[in-house]
Each structure stands twice: as C-alpha cells, then as structure tokens.
C-alpha cells in the first residue's frame, strides 16, 4: 500500500518526542507536520526519494526534510 509524503497545516505540537499509536500510525514532524514515516507491525516504515525504503526498529530519530527539525519516536503505543 502506498502512502503520500506531504506537508499539512502547521502542528501546534512543540515536543521533540512523538509516538505513533494504533489509531494513528503516522509519524509526523512536530514543527511542520510533514509525514516522516508510518508505524507498521511494531517497526517504522520510512520512504525517501528515488525508491529508497526502510523498515527500522525503535527508537527512531530523523531530521525533517521540510524544516530541518530533529524528531524522535521512542516506541509505538497501543
């Protein structure tokens, strides 16, 4: 299943640490709300330009490609 990487309206969250949940598996930038990854089966699915895709374990850290903010997801929560 494909999912788009797109920017949404600015988020009001200011925390560095975000947790995907079973109700919302998307991991988004805490500053600009850009989609960073999607939590699937206890791992984070990351997809980049030119077909680069990764499944990684937790904790995950990534710098947003849109605004440069450092983001962290420590684990999925139920």
C-alpha atoms as a PDB file:
ATOM      1  CA  UNK A   1       0.000   0.000   0.000  1.00  0.00           C
ATOM      2  CA  UNK A   2       1.422   3.358  -0.991  1.00  0.00           C
ATOM      3  CA  UNK A   3       1.072   6.449   1.147  1.00  0.00           C
ATOM      4  CA  UNK A   4       1.877  10.033   0.185  1.00  0.00           C
ATOM      5  CA  UNK A   5       4.567  12.147   1.835  1.00  0.00           C
ATOM      6  CA  UNK A   6       3.015  15.580   2.001  1.00  0.00           C
ATOM      7  CA  UNK A   7       3.013  18.676   4.134  1.00  0.00           C
ATOM      8  CA  UNK A   8      -0.111  19.567   6.096  1.00  0.00           C
ATOM      9  CA  UNK A   9      -1.028  22.656   8.106  1.00  0.00           C
ATOM     10  CA  UNK A  10       1.405  23.572  10.879  1.00  0.00           C
ATOM     11  CA  UNK A  11       1.062  21.482  14.007  1.00  0.00           C
ATOM     12  CA  UNK A  12       0.593  23.004  17.445  1.00  0.00           C
ATOM     13  CA  UNK A  13       2.801  20.304  18.994  1.00  0.00           C
ATOM     14  CA  UNK A  14       6.119  21.522  20.313  1.00  0.00           C
ATOM     15  CA  UNK A  15       7.592  18.322  21.733  1.00  0.00           C
ATOM     16  CA  UNK A  16      10.615  16.611  20.236  1.00  0.00           C
ATOM     17  CA  UNK A  17       9.285  13.137  21.030  1.00  0.00           C
ATOM     18  CA  UNK A  18       6.185  11.889  19.195  1.00  0.00           C
ATOM     19  CA  UNK A  19       4.599   8.458  19.427  1.00  0.00           C
ATOM     20  CA  UNK A  20       2.604   6.789  16.687  1.00  0.00           C
ATOM     21  CA  UNK A  21      -0.418   4.926  18.020  1.00  0.00           C
ATOM     22  CA  UNK A  22      -2.605   2.103  16.779  1.00  0.00           C
ATOM     23  CA  UNK A  23      -5.283   4.676  15.949  1.00  0.00           C
ATOM     24  CA  UNK A  24      -2.864   6.989  14.123  1.00  0.00           C
ATOM     25  CA  UNK A  25       0.217   5.133  12.839  1.00  0.00           C
ATOM     26  CA  UNK A  26       1.644   8.188  11.056  1.00  0.00           C
ATOM     27  CA  UNK A  27       4.831   9.784  12.411  1.00  0.00           C
ATOM     28  CA  UNK A  28       4.825  13.495  11.596  1.00  0.00           C
ATOM     29  CA  UNK A  29       7.234  16.377  12.150  1.00  0.00           C
ATOM     30  CA  UNK A  30       6.495  18.231  15.381  1.00  0.00           C
ATOM     31  CA  UNK A  31       7.060  21.586  13.677  1.00  0.00           C
ATOM     32  CA  UNK A  32       5.675  21.456  10.125  1.00  0.00           C
ATOM     33  CA  UNK A  33       3.578  18.255  10.305  1.00  0.00           C
ATOM     34  CA  UNK A  34       5.330  16.656   7.300  1.00  0.00           C
ATOM     35  CA  UNK A  35       4.921  12.864   7.163  1.00  0.00           C
ATOM     36  CA  UNK A  36       8.187  11.207   8.262  1.00  0.00           C
ATOM     37  CA  UNK A  37       7.099   7.570   8.413  1.00  0.00           C
ATOM     38  CA  UNK A  38       4.343   5.093   9.171  1.00  0.00           C
ATOM     39  CA  UNK A  39       4.400   2.551  12.003  1.00  0.00           C
ATOM     40  CA  UNK A  40       3.659  -0.971  10.754  1.00  0.00           C
ATOM     41  CA  UNK A  41       3.902  -4.217  12.740  1.00  0.00           C
ATOM     42  CA  UNK A  42       5.986  -2.617  15.500  1.00  0.00           C
ATOM     43  CA  UNK A  43       8.545  -1.088  13.113  1.00  0.00           C
ATOM     44  CA  UNK A  44       8.765   2.273  11.361  1.00  0.00           C
ATOM     45  CA  UNK A  45       8.404   2.341   7.567  1.00  0.00           C
ATOM     46  CA  UNK A  46      10.471   5.174   6.072  1.00  0.00           C
ATOM     47  CA  UNK A  47      10.371   6.097   2.389  1.00  0.00           C
ATOM     48  CA  UNK A  48      12.544   8.584   0.558  1.00  0.00           C
ATOM     49  CA  UNK A  49      13.001   9.846  -2.998  1.00  0.00           C
ATOM     50  CA  UNK A  50      14.148   7.530  -5.799  1.00  0.00           C
ATOM     51  CA  UNK A  51      12.600   4.409  -4.285  1.00  0.00           C
ATOM     52  CA  UNK A  52      14.625   4.195  -1.060  1.00  0.00           C
ATOM     53  CA  UNK A  53      12.547   2.388   1.575  1.00  0.00           C
ATOM     54  CA  UNK A  54      13.497   1.172   5.048  1.00  0.00           C
ATOM     55  CA  UNK A  55      11.862  -0.666   7.940  1.00  0.00           C
ATOM     56  CA  UNK A  56      13.603   0.278  11.188  1.00  0.00           C
ATOM     57  CA  UNK A  57      13.174  -0.525  14.872  1.00  0.00           C
ATOM     58  CA  UNK A  58      12.612   1.897  17.729  1.00  0.00           C
ATOM     59  CA  UNK A  59      13.814   4.366  18.887  1.00  0.00           C
ATOM     60  CA  UNK A  60      13.886   6.337  15.628  1.00  0.00           C
ATOM     61  CA  UNK A  61      15.365   9.799  15.065  1.00  0.00           C
ATOM     62  CA  UNK A  62      15.075  11.778  11.853  1.00  0.00           C
ATOM     63  CA  UNK A  63      15.641  15.306  10.652  1.00  0.00           C
ATOM     64  CA  UNK A  64      12.636  16.679   8.765  1.00  0.00           C
ATOM     65  CA  UNK A  65      13.399  17.237   5.093  1.00  0.00           C
ATOM     66  CA  UNK A  66      10.979  20.152   5.070  1.00  0.00           C
ATOM     67  CA  UNK A  67      12.055  22.325   8.006  1.00  0.00           C
ATOM     68  CA  UNK A  68      15.166  20.671   9.493  1.00  0.00           C
ATOM     69  CA  UNK A  69      13.647  19.883  12.915  1.00  0.00           C
ATOM     70  CA  UNK A  70      15.036  16.841  14.760  1.00  0.00           C
ATOM     71  CA  UNK A  71      12.217  14.393  15.537  1.00  0.00           C
ATOM     72  CA  UNK A  72      12.214  11.252  17.674  1.00  0.00           C
ATOM     73  CA  UNK A  73       9.803   8.369  18.145  1.00  0.00           C
ATOM     74  CA  UNK A  74      10.643   6.125  21.081  1.00  0.00           C
ATOM     75  CA  UNK A  75       8.096   3.329  20.564  1.00  0.00           C
ATOM     76  CA  UNK A  76       4.618   2.665  19.234  1.00  0.00           C
ATOM     77  CA  UNK A  77       1.900   2.849  21.857  1.00  0.00           C
ATOM     78  CA  UNK A  78      -1.387   0.996  21.986  1.00  0.00           C
END
